C-alpha atoms as a PDB file:
ATOM      1  CA  UNK A   1      12.772   2.081   5.523  1.00  0.00           C
ATOM      2  CA  UNK A   2      11.653  -1.393   4.048  1.00  0.00           C
ATOM      3  CA  UNK A   3       9.120  -2.369   1.417  1.00  0.00           C
ATOM      4  CA  UNK A   4       5.864  -3.851   3.174  1.00  0.00           C
ATOM      5  CA  UNK A   5       3.258  -4.018  -0.070  1.00  0.00           C
ATOM      6  CA  UNK A   6       2.640  -3.084  -3.306  1.00  0.00           C
ATOM      7  CA  UNK A   7      -1.223  -2.192  -3.988  1.00  0.00           C
ATOM      8  CA  UNK A   8      -3.273  -3.026  -7.345  1.00  0.00           C
ATOM      9  CA  UNK A   9      -6.409  -1.898  -7.586  1.00  0.00           C
ATOM     10  CA  UNK A  10      -8.267  -4.856  -9.493  1.00  0.00           C
ATOM     11  CA  UNK A  11     -11.159  -4.656 -11.616  1.00  0.00           C
ATOM     12  CA  UNK A  12     -12.356  -8.517 -10.762  1.00  0.00           C
ATOM     13  CA  UNK A  13     -11.559  -9.441  -7.576  1.00  0.00           C
ATOM     14  CA  UNK A  14     -11.903 -13.154  -7.400  1.00  0.00           C
ATOM     15  CA  UNK A  15      -9.882 -13.505 -11.253  1.00  0.00           C
ATOM     16  CA  UNK A  16      -7.173 -11.484  -9.543  1.00  0.00           C
ATOM     17  CA  UNK A  17      -7.060 -13.569  -5.975  1.00  0.00           C
ATOM     18  CA  UNK A  18      -7.356 -16.881  -8.128  1.00  0.00           C
ATOM     19  CA  UNK A  19      -4.247 -15.370 -10.232  1.00  0.00           C
ATOM     20  CA  UNK A  20      -2.219 -14.114  -7.184  1.00  0.00           C
ATOM     21  CA  UNK A  21      -2.715 -17.286  -5.407  1.00  0.00           C
ATOM     22  CA  UNK A  22      -2.877 -20.295  -7.541  1.00  0.00           C
ATOM     23  CA  UNK A  23      -0.193 -19.504 -10.518  1.00  0.00           C
ATOM     24  CA  UNK A  24       2.010 -16.725  -8.508  1.00  0.00           C
ATOM     25  CA  UNK A  25       1.554 -18.887  -4.765  1.00  0.00           C
ATOM     26  CA  UNK A  26       0.438 -16.212  -2.768  1.00  0.00           C
ATOM     27  CA  UNK A  27      -1.861 -17.158   0.286  1.00  0.00           C
ATOM     28  CA  UNK A  28      -4.657 -15.296   1.081  1.00  0.00           C
ATOM     29  CA  UNK A  29      -3.100 -13.135   4.939  1.00  0.00           C
ATOM     30  CA  UNK A  30      -6.175 -11.243   5.574  1.00  0.00           C
ATOM     31  CA  UNK A  31      -9.474  -9.250   3.858  1.00  0.00           C
ATOM     32  CA  UNK A  32     -11.082  -6.531   5.005  1.00  0.00           C
ATOM     33  CA  UNK A  33     -14.550  -4.737   4.032  1.00  0.00           C
ATOM     34  CA  UNK A  34     -14.713  -1.087   3.854  1.00  0.00           C
ATOM     35  CA  UNK A  35     -17.645   0.685   2.637  1.00  0.00           C
ATOM     36  CA  UNK A  36     -16.852   1.048  -0.985  1.00  0.00           C
ATOM     37  CA  UNK A  37     -13.827  -0.914  -0.610  1.00  0.00           C
ATOM     38  CA  UNK A  38     -12.769  -5.006  -0.645  1.00  0.00           C
ATOM     39  CA  UNK A  39      -8.589  -5.277   0.508  1.00  0.00           C
ATOM     40  CA  UNK A  40      -7.293  -8.767   0.461  1.00  0.00           C
ATOM     41  CA  UNK A  41      -3.765  -8.894   1.897  1.00  0.00           C
ATOM     42  CA  UNK A  42      -1.341 -11.814   0.333  1.00  0.00           C
ATOM     43  CA  UNK A  43       1.341 -12.964   1.894  1.00  0.00           C
ATOM     44  CA  UNK A  44       4.402 -14.561   0.023  1.00  0.00           C
ATOM     45  CA  UNK A  45       8.287 -15.964   0.755  1.00  0.00           C
ATOM     46  CA  UNK A  46       9.804 -12.602   2.785  1.00  0.00           C
ATOM     47  CA  UNK A  47       7.712  -9.893   4.405  1.00  0.00           C
ATOM     48  CA  UNK A  48       6.419  -7.981   1.758  1.00  0.00           C
ATOM     49  CA  UNK A  49       2.669  -8.358   0.497  1.00  0.00           C
ATOM     50  CA  UNK A  50       0.390  -7.595  -1.927  1.00  0.00           C
ATOM     51  CA  UNK A  51      -2.429  -5.510  -1.019  1.00  0.00           C
ATOM     52  CA  UNK A  52      -5.814  -6.101  -3.789  1.00  0.00           C
ATOM     53  CA  UNK A  53      -8.427  -3.118  -3.196  1.00  0.00           C
ATOM     54  CA  UNK A  54     -11.410  -3.202  -5.032  1.00  0.00           C
ATOM     55  CA  UNK A  55     -13.147   0.296  -5.539  1.00  0.00           C
ATOM     56  CA  UNK A  56     -14.568   2.651  -7.580  1.00  0.00           C
ATOM     57  CA  UNK A  57     -12.744   5.585  -6.954  1.00  0.00           C
ATOM     58  CA  UNK A  58      -9.656   4.506  -8.449  1.00  0.00           C
ATOM     59  CA  UNK A  59      -8.321   3.450 -12.055  1.00  0.00           C
ATOM     60  CA  UNK A  60      -7.113  -0.353 -11.892  1.00  0.00           C
ATOM     61  CA  UNK A  61      -3.889  -1.400 -12.109  1.00  0.00           C
ATOM     62  CA  UNK A  62      -0.980  -0.173  -9.814  1.00  0.00           C
ATOM     63  CA  UNK A  63      -1.212   2.374  -7.506  1.00  0.00           C
ATOM     64  CA  UNK A  64       1.186   2.583  -4.853  1.00  0.00           C
ATOM     65  CA  UNK A  65       4.294   0.996  -2.990  1.00  0.00           C
ATOM     66  CA  UNK A  66       4.378   0.981   1.156  1.00  0.00           C
ATOM     67  CA  UNK A  67       7.217   1.161   3.256  1.00  0.00           C
ATOM     68  CA  UNK A  68       7.423   0.978   7.080  1.00  0.00           C
ATOM     69  CA  UNK A  69       8.817   3.483   9.017  1.00  0.00           C
ATOM     70  CA  UNK A  70       9.883   4.004  12.596  1.00  0.00           C
ATOM     71  CA  UNK A  71       8.967   7.620  12.807  1.00  0.00           C
ATOM     72  CA  UNK A  72       6.368   8.986   9.754  1.00  0.00           C
ATOM     73  CA  UNK A  73       6.739  12.419  11.234  1.00  0.00           C
ATOM     74  CA  UNK A  74      10.861  12.466  11.054  1.00  0.00           C
ATOM     75  CA  UNK A  75      10.722  10.881   7.951  1.00  0.00           C
ATOM     76  CA  UNK A  76       8.349  13.113   6.090  1.00  0.00           C
ATOM     77  CA  UNK A  77      10.459  16.106   7.371  1.00  0.00           C
ATOM     78  CA  UNK A  78      13.641  14.630   6.293  1.00  0.00           C
ATOM     79  CA  UNK A  79      12.139  13.549   3.011  1.00  0.00           C
ATOM     80  CA  UNK A  80      10.973  17.472   2.352  1.00  0.00           C
ATOM     81  CA  UNK A  81      14.304  18.901   2.934  1.00  0.00           C
ATOM     82  CA  UNK A  82      15.491  16.685   0.540  1.00  0.00           C
ATOM     83  CA  UNK A  83      12.658  17.895  -1.954  1.00  0.00           C
ATOM     84  CA  UNK A  84      10.642  15.416  -1.895  1.00  0.00           C
ATOM     85  CA  UNK A  85       7.235  15.659  -2.987  1.00  0.00           C
ATOM     86  CA  UNK A  86       4.440  14.787  -0.050  1.00  0.00           C
ATOM     87  CA  UNK A  87       1.258  14.232  -1.457  1.00  0.00           C
ATOM     88  CA  UNK A  88      -0.679  13.886   2.156  1.00  0.00           C
ATOM     89  CA  UNK A  89       1.020  14.441   5.336  1.00  0.00           C
ATOM     90  CA  UNK A  90       1.228  11.690   7.833  1.00  0.00           C
ATOM     91  CA  UNK A  91      -2.296  11.134   9.606  1.00  0.00           C
ATOM     92  CA  UNK A  92      -3.496   8.528  11.627  1.00  0.00           C
ATOM     93  CA  UNK A  93      -5.313   5.342  10.469  1.00  0.00           C
ATOM     94  CA  UNK A  94      -6.609   2.204  12.200  1.00  0.00           C
ATOM     95  CA  UNK A  95      -2.944   0.814  12.463  1.00  0.00           C
ATOM     96  CA  UNK A  96      -0.909   3.742  13.108  1.00  0.00           C
ATOM     97  CA  UNK A  97      -0.059   6.529  10.614  1.00  0.00           C
ATOM     98  CA  UNK A  98       0.308   7.224   6.943  1.00  0.00           C
ATOM     99  CA  UNK A  99       1.869   9.657   5.136  1.00  0.00           C
ATOM    100  CA  UNK A 100       2.426   9.544   0.807  1.00  0.00           C
ATOM    101  CA  UNK A 101       5.102  10.706  -1.043  1.00  0.00           C
ATOM    102  CA  UNK A 102       5.732  10.662  -4.899  1.00  0.00           C
ATOM    103  CA  UNK A 103       8.587   9.459  -6.907  1.00  0.00           C
ATOM    104  CA  UNK A 104       9.671  11.427  -9.861  1.00  0.00           C
ATOM    105  CA  UNK A 105       7.812   9.335 -12.097  1.00  0.00           C
ATOM    106  CA  UNK A 106       4.694   9.968 -10.407  1.00  0.00           C
ATOM    107  CA  UNK A 107       4.323   6.463  -8.083  1.00  0.00           C
ATOM    108  CA  UNK A 108       3.069   7.530  -5.088  1.00  0.00           C
ATOM    109  CA  UNK A 109       5.041   6.219  -2.270  1.00  0.00           C
ATOM    110  CA  UNK A 110       2.781   5.251   1.335  1.00  0.00           C
ATOM    111  CA  UNK A 111       4.821   5.771   4.380  1.00  0.00           C
ATOM    112  CA  UNK A 112       3.738   4.057   7.282  1.00  0.00           C
ATOM    113  CA  UNK A 113       4.742   3.805  11.080  1.00  0.00           C
ATOM    114  CA  UNK A 114       2.433   0.895  12.709  1.00  0.00           C
ATOM    115  CA  UNK A 115       1.403   1.208  16.582  1.00  0.00           C
END
């Protein structure tokens, strides 16, 4: 597994974009406008990205960490056998298959198998 992104739920998207681009040196990679949410992916050095989400459903702040996996079903099965808490079983999404686990501190970790 490798870390792909960190997701942050934002209060003010413009202010957040300005901070991460002007102060931190990230560049906007892509924008996705969904019903009820706007998602901006920011790219810095290396492969990992920051995902900013503006919506009304989640509390502002750090939301989750995303990790790329080769086979999400096999990964979830292995993690279950090790007693890891699965909070969302694998399901199809537009870019592949997604599942969520939770670490001992309550941090959500998205496991993503891309097409």
